[in-house]
């Protein structure tokens, strides 16, 4: 499978010497979160909405080239998905700029695209496995252990960055930089979640409009109401809530109080680790069966060769044949015992 087949063909571009405000407006206009940056007609890198957030306080005329944090690490259209994934891992990137044979932007390959692709393949494997499971009425069927999605949200929730709705956006930017997160939970005076502010909110509602983050309050740009889940809800339910509301982060409540947050990335990391363990277990099982099958074949061949040799001994002298036959029978006996 090549990158060309699975990348997003439409790629929005911006010139390196344009202002970040114009780049943010381009993102809003095209409904994208990334732009391919061009310099002298060549790909200079990829600009994400988070790059704009990190420089939101620099002023609307701050240039794209100065805000660019991701260097140009392109991948060719004929590269394999395996090569693209390896490049993402080695370069610690969530997205790759895909270029054609002449070095021009062709598309963008994002981590989310790969998740959807591999998700379909995993779903197919799940159907194959499910088709061979015992029927529900079979009392001998093993009881399944809790899966990733079956565990409560507390298993995955992490420390959350929460700010009151009346603080300036600049404070949120500083906390997002410091904690290396892409969102903050906005709370009221009683620390109850009332909304969310993400890096995209800041890019489109502050940078694109030329607003001053030191003046604008979080309440002005937050997405409201806050979509929350209870700490004891299973991850399957939380993932379903993410899908229904089109969000990637869910604040977690216990007894109505904010205790953490679960993100799409958190679920992906944990699921990836468990799939990796599953893959290793399957690989070990396959290798073990291959070794057993190989040993069985070797014993079978050796036994057949010794049988033929024993038959040929009859052509030798009687005493010589008797001694050699005894040795051959002894070896064959040991082979049979090793098999048992």
Protein backbone atom coordinates (compact mmCIF):
# COMPACT_ATOMS: atom_id res chain seq x y z
CA UNK A 1 0.00 0.00 0.00
CA UNK A 2 1.47 3.34 -1.03
CA UNK A 3 1.13 6.73 0.64
CA UNK A 4 -0.50 8.12 -2.51
CA UNK A 5 -3.50 5.85 -2.01
CA UNK A 6 -4.27 6.94 1.53
CA UNK A 7 -3.12 10.54 1.94
CA UNK A 8 -5.52 13.47 1.83
CA UNK A 9 -5.29 14.84 -1.69
CA UNK A 10 -6.31 18.38 -0.77
CA UNK A 11 -3.53 20.33 0.86
CA UNK A 12 -3.93 23.99 1.76
CA UNK A 13 -0.80 26.11 1.39
CA UNK A 14 0.59 29.33 2.75
CA UNK A 15 3.67 31.34 1.77
CA UNK A 16 6.44 31.53 4.35
CA UNK A 17 6.54 35.35 4.49
CA UNK A 18 2.79 35.71 5.13
CA UNK A 19 1.57 36.79 8.57
CA UNK A 20 0.30 34.17 11.00
CA UNK A 21 -3.05 35.94 11.05
CA UNK A 22 -3.44 35.29 7.32
CA UNK A 23 -2.44 31.65 7.90
CA UNK A 24 -5.07 31.30 10.64
CA UNK A 25 -7.68 32.81 8.33
CA UNK A 26 -6.68 30.30 5.64
CA UNK A 27 -7.20 27.46 8.12
CA UNK A 28 -10.63 28.77 9.02
CA UNK A 29 -11.59 29.31 5.38
CA UNK A 30 -10.49 25.84 4.27
CA UNK A 31 -11.61 24.06 7.44
CA UNK A 32 -8.17 22.55 8.10
CA UNK A 33 -5.77 22.44 11.02
CA UNK A 34 -2.54 22.34 9.02
CA UNK A 35 -1.00 24.19 6.09
CA UNK A 36 1.87 23.32 3.81
CA UNK A 37 4.35 26.18 3.93
CA UNK A 38 5.95 27.20 0.63
CA UNK A 39 9.18 29.12 0.22
CA UNK A 40 10.36 29.94 -3.31
CA UNK A 41 7.86 27.37 -4.55
CA UNK A 42 9.34 24.55 -2.47
CA UNK A 43 7.95 22.89 0.64
CA UNK A 44 9.51 24.51 3.71
CA UNK A 45 7.46 22.69 6.34
CA UNK A 46 4.04 22.17 7.85
CA UNK A 47 2.26 24.79 9.96
CA UNK A 48 -0.25 23.46 12.53
CA UNK A 49 -2.83 25.36 14.55
CA UNK A 50 -0.73 24.66 17.66
CA UNK A 51 2.19 26.55 16.09
CA UNK A 52 -0.08 29.58 15.87
CA UNK A 53 -1.08 29.24 19.53
CA UNK A 54 2.53 29.23 20.68
CA UNK A 55 3.04 32.58 18.96
CA UNK A 56 -0.40 34.12 19.47
CA UNK A 57 1.04 36.84 21.69
CA UNK A 58 3.63 37.89 19.10
CA UNK A 59 1.13 39.98 17.19
CA UNK A 60 -0.91 39.36 14.03
CA UNK A 61 1.92 40.42 11.70
CA UNK A 62 4.31 37.77 13.05
CA UNK A 63 5.49 35.75 10.02
CA UNK A 64 4.73 32.15 9.25
CA UNK A 65 8.42 31.40 8.75
CA UNK A 66 9.13 32.52 12.33
CA UNK A 67 6.30 30.39 13.75
CA UNK A 68 7.29 27.26 11.87
CA UNK A 69 8.29 24.56 14.37
CA UNK A 70 8.04 21.53 12.09
CA UNK A 71 10.78 21.26 9.46
CA UNK A 72 10.05 19.98 6.00
CA UNK A 73 10.22 16.18 6.30
CA UNK A 74 8.31 15.13 3.19
CA UNK A 75 7.46 11.67 1.99
CA UNK A 76 7.09 10.69 -1.67
CA UNK A 77 3.78 9.52 -3.09
CA UNK A 78 5.23 6.09 -3.96
CA UNK A 79 6.55 5.44 -0.44
CA UNK A 80 4.94 2.54 1.42
CA UNK A 81 2.77 3.04 4.48
CA UNK A 82 5.38 1.13 6.47
CA UNK A 83 8.02 3.69 5.45
CA UNK A 84 5.69 6.57 6.32
CA UNK A 85 4.87 5.17 9.76
CA UNK A 86 8.55 4.57 10.46
CA UNK A 87 9.31 8.18 9.48
CA UNK A 88 6.54 9.46 11.75
CA UNK A 89 7.92 7.48 14.68
CA UNK A 90 11.55 8.46 14.13
CA UNK A 91 10.69 12.13 13.58
CA UNK A 92 8.00 12.25 16.28
CA UNK A 93 5.46 13.74 13.89
CA UNK A 94 1.68 13.36 13.70
CA UNK A 95 1.53 14.31 10.04
CA UNK A 96 3.68 14.18 6.92
CA UNK A 97 3.68 16.37 3.85
CA UNK A 98 3.35 14.20 0.75
CA UNK A 99 5.15 15.48 -2.36
CA UNK A 100 4.99 14.44 -6.00
CA UNK A 101 7.90 13.54 -8.26
CA UNK A 102 8.72 17.22 -8.83
CA UNK A 103 8.80 18.07 -5.12
CA UNK A 104 5.44 19.90 -5.10
CA UNK A 105 2.89 19.41 -2.29
CA UNK A 106 0.57 16.57 -3.23
CA UNK A 107 -1.28 15.90 0.02
CA UNK A 108 -0.98 15.28 3.73
CA UNK A 109 -0.82 11.98 5.58
CA UNK A 110 -2.03 12.29 9.17
CA UNK A 111 -1.93 9.94 12.11
CA UNK A 112 -5.73 10.03 12.24
CA UNK A 113 -5.88 8.72 8.65
CA UNK A 114 -3.72 5.74 9.62
CA UNK A 115 -5.83 5.07 12.72
CA UNK A 116 -8.96 4.88 10.57
CA UNK A 117 -7.22 2.61 8.06
CA UNK A 118 -5.84 0.23 10.66
CA UNK A 119 -9.15 0.39 12.54
CA UNK A 120 -10.95 -1.05 9.53
CA UNK A 121 -8.40 -3.85 9.28
CA UNK A 122 -8.71 -4.62 13.00
CA UNK A 123 -12.51 -4.67 12.63
CA UNK A 124 -12.17 -7.27 9.86
CA UNK A 125 -9.89 -9.40 12.04
CA UNK A 126 -12.37 -9.06 14.90
CA UNK A 127 -15.14 -10.42 12.66
CA UNK A 128 -12.95 -13.38 11.68
CA UNK A 129 -12.21 -14.14 15.33
CA UNK A 130 -15.85 -13.66 16.33
CA UNK A 131 -17.04 -16.10 13.69
CA UNK A 132 -15.11 -18.87 15.48
CA UNK A 133 -16.18 -18.07 19.04
CA UNK A 134 -18.39 -20.54 20.95
CA UNK A 135 -22.08 -19.68 21.08
CA UNK A 136 -23.30 -17.72 24.14
CA UNK A 137 -25.08 -20.85 25.39
CA UNK A 138 -21.81 -22.78 25.55
CA UNK A 139 -20.97 -22.89 29.27
CA UNK A 140 -17.42 -24.04 28.46
CA UNK A 141 -16.61 -20.73 26.76
CA UNK A 142 -13.89 -18.82 28.65
CA UNK A 143 -14.89 -15.66 30.49
CA UNK A 144 -13.34 -12.63 28.76
CA UNK A 145 -11.09 -10.33 30.74
CA UNK A 146 -11.99 -6.60 30.78
CA UNK A 147 -10.81 -4.96 27.59
CA UNK A 148 -9.39 -1.49 27.06
CA UNK A 149 -12.82 -0.02 26.42
CA UNK A 150 -14.38 -1.95 29.30
CA UNK A 151 -12.32 -0.30 32.02
CA UNK A 152 -13.50 2.80 33.87
CA UNK A 153 -12.30 6.25 32.88
CA UNK A 154 -10.23 6.58 36.04
CA UNK A 155 -7.80 4.06 34.56
CA UNK A 156 -6.81 6.55 31.87
CA UNK A 157 -7.54 10.00 33.25
CA UNK A 158 -4.58 12.29 33.83
CA UNK A 159 -4.02 15.59 35.54
CA UNK A 160 -6.11 18.31 33.95
CA UNK A 161 -5.29 21.96 33.32
CA UNK A 162 -8.31 23.95 34.51
CA UNK A 163 -8.78 27.73 34.54
CA UNK A 164 -11.65 30.01 35.53
CA UNK A 165 -13.70 31.49 32.73
CA UNK A 166 -12.76 35.06 33.68
CA UNK A 167 -8.99 34.69 33.16
CA UNK A 168 -7.32 36.01 29.96
CA UNK A 169 -6.58 33.71 27.05
CA UNK A 170 -2.89 34.53 27.49
CA UNK A 171 -2.91 32.59 30.77
CA UNK A 172 -4.28 29.55 28.95
CA UNK A 173 -1.56 29.85 26.31
CA UNK A 174 1.11 29.93 28.98
CA UNK A 175 -0.32 26.87 30.75
CA UNK A 176 -0.66 24.95 27.50
CA UNK A 177 2.99 25.65 26.72
CA UNK A 178 4.13 24.73 30.22
CA UNK A 179 2.11 21.52 30.53
CA UNK A 180 2.51 20.56 26.83
CA UNK A 181 -1.23 20.08 26.33
CA UNK A 182 -3.65 21.09 23.60
CA UNK A 183 -6.54 22.25 25.75
CA UNK A 184 -7.71 23.65 29.07
CA UNK A 185 -10.95 22.99 30.91
CA UNK A 186 -12.83 26.19 31.71
CA UNK A 187 -14.57 26.23 35.09
CA UNK A 188 -16.97 28.47 36.98
CA UNK A 189 -16.46 29.83 40.48
CA UNK A 190 -17.36 26.41 41.97
CA UNK A 191 -14.76 24.54 39.85
CA UNK A 192 -17.47 22.95 37.74
CA UNK A 193 -16.60 22.57 34.01
CA UNK A 194 -18.51 25.01 31.83
CA UNK A 195 -16.51 24.79 28.61
CA UNK A 196 -13.28 23.87 26.80
CA UNK A 197 -10.63 25.92 25.03
CA UNK A 198 -8.37 24.11 22.55
CA UNK A 199 -5.41 25.21 20.49
CA UNK A 200 -7.74 25.40 17.48
CA UNK A 201 -10.09 27.75 19.35
CA UNK A 202 -7.17 30.09 20.01
CA UNK A 203 -5.91 29.87 16.43
CA UNK A 204 -9.29 30.71 14.89
CA UNK A 205 -10.79 33.04 17.51
CA UNK A 206 -7.71 34.96 18.57
CA UNK A 207 -4.99 34.77 15.90
CA UNK A 208 -7.29 34.81 12.84
CA UNK A 209 -9.22 37.80 14.20
CA UNK A 210 -6.19 39.70 15.40
CA UNK A 211 -7.44 39.76 19.00
CA UNK A 212 -5.18 40.45 21.97
CA UNK A 213 -4.95 37.29 24.15
CA UNK A 214 -3.98 39.44 27.13
CA UNK A 215 -7.38 41.14 27.01
CA UNK A 216 -9.86 38.53 25.75
CA UNK A 217 -11.31 36.23 28.44
CA UNK A 218 -11.64 32.47 28.13
CA UNK A 219 -15.42 32.77 28.42
CA UNK A 220 -15.41 34.62 25.07
CA UNK A 221 -13.78 31.88 23.01
CA UNK A 222 -14.59 28.65 24.86
CA UNK A 223 -16.73 25.89 23.41
CA UNK A 224 -19.73 25.46 25.67
CA UNK A 225 -21.32 23.57 27.30
CA UNK A 226 -18.55 21.21 28.43
CA UNK A 227 -19.09 17.59 27.40
CA UNK A 228 -18.20 15.49 30.44
CA UNK A 229 -18.32 11.87 31.64
CA UNK A 230 -18.43 10.19 35.00
CA UNK A 231 -15.24 8.62 36.31
CA UNK A 232 -16.83 5.16 36.52
CA UNK A 233 -18.14 5.09 32.96
CA UNK A 234 -16.42 2.49 30.75
CA UNK A 235 -14.09 3.74 28.06
CA UNK A 236 -16.41 2.30 25.42
CA UNK A 237 -19.05 4.80 26.51
CA UNK A 238 -16.57 7.68 26.63
CA UNK A 239 -15.27 6.87 23.14
CA UNK A 240 -18.87 6.82 21.93
CA UNK A 241 -19.47 10.23 23.52
CA UNK A 242 -16.38 11.60 21.76
CA UNK A 243 -17.73 10.34 18.46
CA UNK A 244 -21.26 11.66 18.99
CA UNK A 245 -20.11 15.17 19.90
CA UNK A 246 -17.08 15.33 17.60
CA UNK A 247 -14.63 16.03 20.44
CA UNK A 248 -11.20 14.58 21.23
CA UNK A 249 -11.09 15.37 24.95
CA UNK A 250 -13.52 14.57 27.75
CA UNK A 251 -13.26 16.07 31.28
CA UNK A 252 -13.87 13.39 33.93
CA UNK A 253 -16.08 14.05 36.95
CA UNK A 254 -16.43 12.22 40.23
CA UNK A 255 -19.41 13.24 42.35
CA UNK A 256 -19.77 16.30 40.12
CA UNK A 257 -16.19 17.48 40.68
CA UNK A 258 -13.47 17.67 38.04
CA UNK A 259 -10.89 14.93 38.64
CA UNK A 260 -9.13 14.50 35.29
CA UNK A 261 -9.37 14.41 31.54
CA UNK A 262 -9.25 11.67 28.92
CA UNK A 263 -8.12 12.45 25.40
CA UNK A 264 -8.27 10.61 22.10
CA UNK A 265 -4.47 10.35 22.20
CA UNK A 266 -4.58 8.70 25.64
CA UNK A 267 -6.89 5.98 24.33
CA UNK A 268 -4.80 5.53 21.21
CA UNK A 269 -1.56 5.09 23.16
CA UNK A 270 -3.02 2.51 25.55
CA UNK A 271 -4.79 0.61 22.77
CA UNK A 272 -1.59 0.65 20.70
CA UNK A 273 0.39 -0.81 23.61
CA UNK A 274 -2.13 -3.60 24.12
CA UNK A 275 -2.27 -4.39 20.41
CA UNK A 276 1.54 -4.52 20.42
CA UNK A 277 1.47 -7.03 23.29
CA UNK A 278 -1.15 -9.06 21.45
CA UNK A 279 0.96 -9.05 18.29
CA UNK A 280 4.03 -10.22 20.20
CA UNK A 281 2.05 -13.03 21.82
CA UNK A 282 0.74 -14.20 18.45
CA UNK A 283 4.23 -13.98 16.92
CA UNK A 284 5.69 -16.11 19.73
CA UNK A 285 2.93 -18.69 19.28
CA UNK A 286 3.51 -18.86 15.53
CA UNK A 287 7.27 -19.25 16.05
CA UNK A 288 6.75 -22.01 18.62
CA UNK A 289 4.42 -23.92 16.31
CA UNK A 290 6.91 -23.51 13.47
CA UNK A 291 9.71 -24.95 15.60
CA UNK A 292 7.54 -27.89 16.66
CA UNK A 293 6.51 -28.55 13.06
CA UNK A 294 10.13 -28.30 11.93
CA UNK A 295 11.34 -30.74 14.59
CA UNK A 296 8.58 -33.20 13.68
CA UNK A 297 9.55 -33.05 10.01
CA UNK A 298 13.24 -33.61 10.85
CA UNK A 299 12.39 -36.64 13.01
CA UNK A 300 10.23 -38.06 10.25
CA UNK A 301 12.95 -37.64 7.63
CA UNK A 302 15.64 -39.10 9.88
CA UNK A 303 13.47 -42.09 10.77
CA UNK A 304 12.74 -42.77 7.09
CA UNK A 305 16.43 -42.51 6.18
CA UNK A 306 17.37 -44.94 8.96
CA UNK A 307 14.67 -47.38 7.84
CA UNK A 308 16.10 -47.40 4.34
CA UNK A 309 19.60 -47.80 5.73
CA UNK A 310 18.49 -50.80 7.80
CA UNK A 311 17.08 -52.46 4.69
CA UNK A 312 20.35 -51.93 2.83
CA UNK A 313 22.30 -53.62 5.63
CA UNK A 314 20.89 -56.94 4.53
CA UNK A 315 23.28 -56.81 1.58
CA UNK A 316 26.33 -56.71 3.89
CA UNK A 317 27.94 -59.57 5.73
CA UNK A 318 25.76 -61.18 8.41
CA UNK A 319 27.86 -60.13 11.46
CA UNK A 320 28.50 -56.60 10.17
CA UNK A 321 24.86 -56.17 9.27
CA UNK A 322 23.75 -57.35 12.72
CA UNK A 323 25.96 -54.84 14.57
CA UNK A 324 25.05 -51.91 12.34
CA UNK A 325 21.38 -52.82 12.50
CA UNK A 326 21.52 -52.76 16.29
CA UNK A 327 23.00 -49.26 16.19
CA UNK A 328 20.37 -48.07 13.74
CA UNK A 329 17.55 -49.55 15.83
CA UNK A 330 18.98 -47.82 18.90
CA UNK A 331 18.99 -44.43 17.14
CA UNK A 332 15.44 -44.94 15.87
CA UNK A 333 14.32 -45.85 19.39
CA UNK A 334 15.78 -42.63 20.77
CA UNK A 335 14.01 -40.63 18.07
CA UNK A 336 10.68 -42.19 19.00
CA UNK A 337 11.23 -41.44 22.70
CA UNK A 338 12.12 -37.78 21.95
CA UNK A 339 8.88 -37.45 20.01
CA UNK A 340 6.87 -38.80 22.94
